[in-house]
Amino acid sequence: MFTIAKQYHFSASHQLAYLPEDHPCARLHGHNYIVEVELQSEELNHNGFVRDYRELDALKTYIDETFDHRHLNEVLGEHNITAEQIAQHFYEWCKSRWPEVSAVRVSETPRSWAEYRP
């Protein structure tokens, strides 16, 4: 199995509305997110790639135009936007374009991440 991954960065705010009022994440706050998309294939294509990284540029455009410096609760239309939900959202968006997508990982901090892998 061949595996490749590429990372993308964006800054955005969110609020976890269903947490107790004294929980810090219940307040409006932001993160410098890292989104990592992973692709896997049993075989390489005619150029020797799982997929050419340049083909993933559409994800960068989507992130820059839709997520960067936005409030994620408004972008995704939810009152409670977690890293787990963001990972699932990006997985579904990517999987609909590139069948080799196997997982998406979203980091909110250098020491924490959530991954969606069906």
N, C-alpha and C. Protein backbone atom coordinates (compact mmCIF):
# COMPACT_ATOMS: atom_id res chain seq x y z
N MET A 1 0.85 -1.18 0.00
CA MET A 1 0.00 0.00 0.00
C MET A 1 0.89 1.24 0.00
N PHE A 2 0.61 2.14 -0.91
CA PHE A 2 1.31 3.42 -0.96
C PHE A 2 0.45 4.47 -0.28
N THR A 3 1.08 5.34 0.50
CA THR A 3 0.37 6.40 1.21
C THR A 3 1.08 7.72 0.99
N ILE A 4 0.31 8.76 0.66
CA ILE A 4 0.82 10.12 0.60
C ILE A 4 -0.09 11.01 1.45
N ALA A 5 0.42 12.16 1.81
CA ALA A 5 -0.38 13.12 2.58
C ALA A 5 0.09 14.53 2.25
N LYS A 6 -0.81 15.47 2.39
CA LYS A 6 -0.47 16.88 2.19
C LYS A 6 -1.21 17.70 3.22
N GLN A 7 -0.53 18.74 3.73
CA GLN A 7 -1.11 19.60 4.75
C GLN A 7 -1.50 20.95 4.18
N TYR A 8 -2.55 21.51 4.79
CA TYR A 8 -3.04 22.84 4.46
C TYR A 8 -3.31 23.57 5.77
N HIS A 9 -3.18 24.88 5.76
CA HIS A 9 -3.33 25.67 6.98
C HIS A 9 -4.39 26.75 6.79
N PHE A 10 -5.12 27.03 7.86
CA PHE A 10 -6.03 28.16 7.86
C PHE A 10 -6.29 28.59 9.30
N SER A 11 -6.73 29.82 9.46
CA SER A 11 -7.09 30.36 10.76
C SER A 11 -8.58 30.64 10.77
N ALA A 12 -9.24 30.26 11.86
CA ALA A 12 -10.68 30.47 11.94
C ALA A 12 -11.12 30.43 13.40
N SER A 13 -12.32 30.95 13.64
CA SER A 13 -12.91 30.89 14.98
C SER A 13 -14.03 29.87 15.00
N HIS A 14 -14.37 29.45 16.22
CA HIS A 14 -15.54 28.60 16.43
C HIS A 14 -15.95 28.70 17.89
N GLN A 15 -17.07 28.09 18.19
CA GLN A 15 -17.57 28.10 19.56
C GLN A 15 -18.30 26.78 19.79
N LEU A 16 -18.02 26.16 20.91
CA LEU A 16 -18.68 24.91 21.26
C LEU A 16 -19.82 25.24 22.21
N ALA A 17 -20.98 25.46 21.64
CA ALA A 17 -22.12 26.03 22.36
C ALA A 17 -22.73 25.11 23.41
N TYR A 18 -22.50 23.81 23.33
CA TYR A 18 -23.16 22.89 24.24
C TYR A 18 -22.33 22.53 25.47
N LEU A 19 -21.20 23.19 25.63
CA LEU A 19 -20.36 22.95 26.81
C LEU A 19 -20.81 23.84 27.96
N PRO A 20 -20.47 23.48 29.19
CA PRO A 20 -20.80 24.35 30.33
C PRO A 20 -20.17 25.74 30.15
N GLU A 21 -20.83 26.75 30.68
CA GLU A 21 -20.38 28.13 30.52
C GLU A 21 -18.95 28.36 31.01
N ASP A 22 -18.51 27.62 32.02
CA ASP A 22 -17.17 27.82 32.55
C ASP A 22 -16.08 27.08 31.76
N HIS A 23 -16.46 26.34 30.74
CA HIS A 23 -15.49 25.64 29.89
C HIS A 23 -14.89 26.65 28.92
N PRO A 24 -13.56 26.73 28.78
CA PRO A 24 -12.97 27.74 27.91
C PRO A 24 -13.40 27.63 26.44
N CYS A 25 -13.71 26.44 25.99
CA CYS A 25 -14.12 26.28 24.59
C CYS A 25 -15.57 26.67 24.33
N ALA A 26 -16.31 26.97 25.40
CA ALA A 26 -17.67 27.46 25.23
C ALA A 26 -17.67 28.91 24.76
N ARG A 27 -16.54 29.58 25.02
CA ARG A 27 -16.41 30.97 24.58
C ARG A 27 -15.95 31.00 23.11
N LEU A 28 -16.24 32.07 22.44
CA LEU A 28 -15.74 32.28 21.09
C LEU A 28 -14.21 32.29 21.14
N HIS A 29 -13.59 31.48 20.31
CA HIS A 29 -12.13 31.40 20.26
C HIS A 29 -11.70 30.91 18.89
N GLY A 30 -10.41 30.94 18.63
CA GLY A 30 -9.92 30.55 17.32
C GLY A 30 -8.70 29.66 17.39
N HIS A 31 -8.37 29.10 16.24
CA HIS A 31 -7.21 28.21 16.12
C HIS A 31 -6.53 28.49 14.78
N ASN A 32 -5.27 28.11 14.74
CA ASN A 32 -4.54 28.02 13.48
C ASN A 32 -4.59 26.54 13.10
N TYR A 33 -5.56 26.20 12.28
CA TYR A 33 -5.83 24.81 11.94
C TYR A 33 -4.83 24.27 10.93
N ILE A 34 -4.56 22.98 11.06
CA ILE A 34 -3.82 22.24 10.04
C ILE A 34 -4.72 21.10 9.59
N VAL A 35 -4.95 21.03 8.29
CA VAL A 35 -5.74 19.95 7.69
C VAL A 35 -4.77 19.09 6.89
N GLU A 36 -4.75 17.80 7.18
CA GLU A 36 -3.89 16.88 6.45
C GLU A 36 -4.76 15.84 5.77
N VAL A 37 -4.66 15.78 4.46
CA VAL A 37 -5.42 14.79 3.70
C VAL A 37 -4.47 13.64 3.35
N GLU A 38 -4.93 12.42 3.57
CA GLU A 38 -4.14 11.22 3.30
C GLU A 38 -4.79 10.46 2.15
N LEU A 39 -3.96 9.98 1.23
CA LEU A 39 -4.44 9.19 0.10
C LEU A 39 -3.65 7.88 0.05
N GLN A 40 -4.33 6.79 -0.30
CA GLN A 40 -3.68 5.49 -0.38
C GLN A 40 -4.08 4.78 -1.66
N SER A 41 -3.14 3.96 -2.14
CA SER A 41 -3.42 3.15 -3.33
C SER A 41 -2.53 1.91 -3.31
N GLU A 42 -3.08 0.84 -3.78
CA GLU A 42 -2.31 -0.40 -3.93
C GLU A 42 -1.31 -0.28 -5.07
N GLU A 43 -1.64 0.56 -6.06
CA GLU A 43 -0.79 0.70 -7.24
C GLU A 43 -0.53 2.17 -7.52
N LEU A 44 0.56 2.43 -8.21
CA LEU A 44 0.88 3.79 -8.62
C LEU A 44 0.34 4.04 -10.02
N ASN A 45 0.04 5.28 -10.32
CA ASN A 45 -0.47 5.61 -11.66
C ASN A 45 0.66 5.61 -12.68
N HIS A 46 0.38 5.96 -13.92
CA HIS A 46 1.37 5.89 -15.00
C HIS A 46 2.55 6.83 -14.79
N ASN A 47 2.41 7.82 -13.90
CA ASN A 47 3.52 8.72 -13.58
C ASN A 47 4.28 8.30 -12.33
N GLY A 48 3.86 7.20 -11.71
CA GLY A 48 4.53 6.72 -10.51
C GLY A 48 4.01 7.35 -9.23
N PHE A 49 2.82 7.95 -9.28
CA PHE A 49 2.21 8.62 -8.12
C PHE A 49 0.99 7.86 -7.63
N VAL A 50 0.67 8.04 -6.34
CA VAL A 50 -0.67 7.72 -5.87
C VAL A 50 -1.61 8.71 -6.54
N ARG A 51 -1.26 9.98 -6.45
CA ARG A 51 -1.93 11.07 -7.15
C ARG A 51 -0.95 12.24 -7.13
N ASP A 52 -0.88 12.99 -8.20
CA ASP A 52 -0.01 14.17 -8.28
C ASP A 52 -0.48 15.18 -7.23
N TYR A 53 0.42 15.64 -6.38
CA TYR A 53 0.07 16.63 -5.34
C TYR A 53 -0.60 17.87 -5.93
N ARG A 54 -0.21 18.24 -7.13
CA ARG A 54 -0.80 19.44 -7.76
C ARG A 54 -2.30 19.29 -7.98
N GLU A 55 -2.76 18.07 -8.13
CA GLU A 55 -4.20 17.85 -8.31
C GLU A 55 -4.98 18.19 -7.05
N LEU A 56 -4.29 18.26 -5.91
CA LEU A 56 -4.95 18.57 -4.65
C LEU A 56 -5.09 20.07 -4.42
N ASP A 57 -4.62 20.89 -5.36
CA ASP A 57 -4.71 22.34 -5.21
C ASP A 57 -6.14 22.83 -5.02
N ALA A 58 -7.12 22.07 -5.51
CA ALA A 58 -8.52 22.46 -5.33
C ALA A 58 -8.88 22.52 -3.84
N LEU A 59 -8.27 21.68 -3.02
CA LEU A 59 -8.53 21.72 -1.59
C LEU A 59 -8.00 23.01 -0.99
N LYS A 60 -6.81 23.43 -1.40
CA LYS A 60 -6.26 24.70 -0.90
C LYS A 60 -7.18 25.85 -1.27
N THR A 61 -7.66 25.87 -2.49
CA THR A 61 -8.57 26.92 -2.93
C THR A 61 -9.85 26.91 -2.10
N TYR A 62 -10.42 25.73 -1.89
CA TYR A 62 -11.64 25.59 -1.09
C TYR A 62 -11.42 26.11 0.33
N ILE A 63 -10.31 25.72 0.94
CA ILE A 63 -10.01 26.16 2.30
C ILE A 63 -9.83 27.68 2.33
N ASP A 64 -9.03 28.21 1.42
CA ASP A 64 -8.76 29.66 1.41
C ASP A 64 -10.02 30.47 1.19
N GLU A 65 -10.87 30.02 0.28
CA GLU A 65 -12.06 30.81 -0.06
C GLU A 65 -13.22 30.62 0.92
N THR A 66 -13.29 29.47 1.58
CA THR A 66 -14.46 29.14 2.39
C THR A 66 -14.21 29.15 3.89
N PHE A 67 -13.00 28.83 4.32
CA PHE A 67 -12.73 28.62 5.74
C PHE A 67 -11.77 29.63 6.37
N ASP A 68 -10.79 30.10 5.62
CA ASP A 68 -9.76 30.94 6.20
C ASP A 68 -10.32 32.27 6.71
N HIS A 69 -10.01 32.57 7.97
CA HIS A 69 -10.45 33.80 8.64
C HIS A 69 -11.98 33.94 8.64
N ARG A 70 -12.65 32.82 8.89
CA ARG A 70 -14.11 32.77 8.99
C ARG A 70 -14.50 32.21 10.35
N HIS A 71 -15.79 32.33 10.65
CA HIS A 71 -16.36 31.73 11.86
C HIS A 71 -16.99 30.40 11.44
N LEU A 72 -16.41 29.30 11.88
CA LEU A 72 -16.80 27.97 11.38
C LEU A 72 -18.24 27.61 11.70
N ASN A 73 -18.80 28.12 12.80
CA ASN A 73 -20.20 27.84 13.10
C ASN A 73 -21.09 28.38 11.99
N GLU A 74 -20.72 29.52 11.42
CA GLU A 74 -21.49 30.09 10.31
C GLU A 74 -21.21 29.34 9.01
N VAL A 75 -19.96 29.01 8.76
CA VAL A 75 -19.60 28.32 7.51
C VAL A 75 -20.29 26.96 7.42
N LEU A 76 -20.26 26.21 8.51
CA LEU A 76 -20.81 24.85 8.50
C LEU A 76 -22.24 24.77 9.02
N GLY A 77 -22.78 25.89 9.47
CA GLY A 77 -24.18 25.95 9.86
C GLY A 77 -24.53 25.13 11.08
N GLU A 78 -23.63 25.04 12.03
CA GLU A 78 -23.85 24.27 13.24
C GLU A 78 -23.55 25.13 14.45
N HIS A 79 -24.13 24.76 15.59
CA HIS A 79 -23.87 25.47 16.84
C HIS A 79 -22.67 24.90 17.58
N ASN A 80 -22.23 23.75 17.19
CA ASN A 80 -21.17 23.05 17.91
C ASN A 80 -20.22 22.43 16.90
N ILE A 81 -19.18 23.14 16.50
CA ILE A 81 -18.25 22.66 15.49
C ILE A 81 -16.99 22.15 16.17
N THR A 82 -16.78 20.84 16.10
CA THR A 82 -15.60 20.22 16.70
C THR A 82 -14.59 19.86 15.63
N ALA A 83 -13.36 19.59 16.06
CA ALA A 83 -12.32 19.16 15.13
C ALA A 83 -12.73 17.86 14.44
N GLU A 84 -13.43 17.00 15.17
CA GLU A 84 -13.90 15.73 14.58
C GLU A 84 -14.85 15.99 13.42
N GLN A 85 -15.75 16.95 13.59
CA GLN A 85 -16.72 17.27 12.53
C GLN A 85 -16.03 17.94 11.35
N ILE A 86 -15.05 18.77 11.63
CA ILE A 86 -14.30 19.42 10.55
C ILE A 86 -13.55 18.37 9.74
N ALA A 87 -12.94 17.41 10.42
CA ALA A 87 -12.23 16.33 9.72
C ALA A 87 -13.17 15.54 8.83
N GLN A 88 -14.36 15.22 9.33
CA GLN A 88 -15.33 14.49 8.53
C GLN A 88 -15.78 15.33 7.33
N HIS A 89 -16.02 16.60 7.55
CA HIS A 89 -16.43 17.48 6.44
C HIS A 89 -15.38 17.47 5.33
N PHE A 90 -14.11 17.68 5.68
CA PHE A 90 -13.06 17.70 4.66
C PHE A 90 -12.87 16.33 4.02
N TYR A 91 -13.01 15.26 4.80
CA TYR A 91 -12.92 13.92 4.21
C TYR A 91 -13.97 13.75 3.11
N GLU A 92 -15.20 14.07 3.42
CA GLU A 92 -16.28 13.88 2.45
C GLU A 92 -16.08 14.76 1.22
N TRP A 93 -15.62 15.99 1.42
CA TRP A 93 -15.36 16.89 0.29
C TRP A 93 -14.25 16.31 -0.59
N CYS A 94 -13.18 15.85 0.03
CA CYS A 94 -12.05 15.30 -0.72
C CYS A 94 -12.39 13.97 -1.39
N LYS A 95 -13.07 13.10 -0.67
CA LYS A 95 -13.40 11.78 -1.20
C LYS A 95 -14.28 11.88 -2.44
N SER A 96 -15.12 12.90 -2.50
CA SER A 96 -15.98 13.07 -3.67
C SER A 96 -15.18 13.48 -4.91
N ARG A 97 -13.94 13.90 -4.72
CA ARG A 97 -13.09 14.33 -5.84
C ARG A 97 -11.97 13.35 -6.15
N TRP A 98 -11.44 12.70 -5.12
CA TRP A 98 -10.28 11.83 -5.28
C TRP A 98 -10.56 10.51 -4.56
N PRO A 99 -10.79 9.44 -5.29
CA PRO A 99 -11.18 8.17 -4.66
C PRO A 99 -10.09 7.57 -3.77
N GLU A 100 -8.85 8.01 -3.91
CA GLU A 100 -7.77 7.45 -3.09
C GLU A 100 -7.75 8.01 -1.67
N VAL A 101 -8.58 9.00 -1.37
CA VAL A 101 -8.57 9.60 -0.04
C VAL A 101 -8.95 8.54 0.99
N SER A 102 -8.11 8.41 2.03
CA SER A 102 -8.34 7.39 3.05
C SER A 102 -8.61 8.00 4.43
N ALA A 103 -8.18 9.24 4.66
CA ALA A 103 -8.40 9.87 5.96
C ALA A 103 -8.11 11.36 5.86
N VAL A 104 -8.67 12.09 6.80
CA VAL A 104 -8.34 13.51 6.97
C VAL A 104 -8.12 13.74 8.45
N ARG A 105 -7.04 14.46 8.76
CA ARG A 105 -6.69 14.80 10.14
C ARG A 105 -6.75 16.32 10.27
N VAL A 106 -7.31 16.79 11.37
CA VAL A 106 -7.40 18.23 11.64
C VAL A 106 -6.76 18.50 12.99
N SER A 107 -5.78 19.40 13.00
CA SER A 107 -5.13 19.82 14.24
C SER A 107 -5.57 21.22 14.60
N GLU A 108 -5.93 21.39 15.86
CA GLU A 108 -6.25 22.72 16.38
C GLU A 108 -5.05 23.34 17.09
N THR A 109 -4.19 22.49 17.61
CA THR A 109 -2.97 22.92 18.30
C THR A 109 -1.86 21.97 17.88
N PRO A 110 -0.61 22.30 18.18
CA PRO A 110 0.49 21.40 17.82
C PRO A 110 0.43 20.05 18.53
N ARG A 111 -0.35 19.96 19.62
CA ARG A 111 -0.39 18.72 20.40
C ARG A 111 -1.71 17.98 20.34
N SER A 112 -2.64 18.44 19.52
CA SER A 112 -3.94 17.75 19.47
C SER A 112 -4.45 17.68 18.04
N TRP A 113 -5.10 16.58 17.74
CA TRP A 113 -5.70 16.42 16.41
C TRP A 113 -6.87 15.46 16.51
N ALA A 114 -7.72 15.56 15.48
CA ALA A 114 -8.83 14.62 15.31
C ALA A 114 -8.73 14.08 13.89
N GLU A 115 -9.10 12.84 13.72
CA GLU A 115 -9.00 12.21 12.40
C GLU A 115 -10.31 11.56 12.06
N TYR A 116 -10.69 11.66 10.78
CA TYR A 116 -11.84 10.90 10.27
C TYR A 116 -11.30 9.91 9.26
N ARG A 117 -11.55 8.64 9.54
CA ARG A 117 -11.13 7.54 8.67
C ARG A 117 -12.26 6.52 8.70
N PRO A 118 -13.05 6.44 7.65
CA PRO A 118 -14.19 5.49 7.69
C PRO A 118 -13.74 4.04 7.80
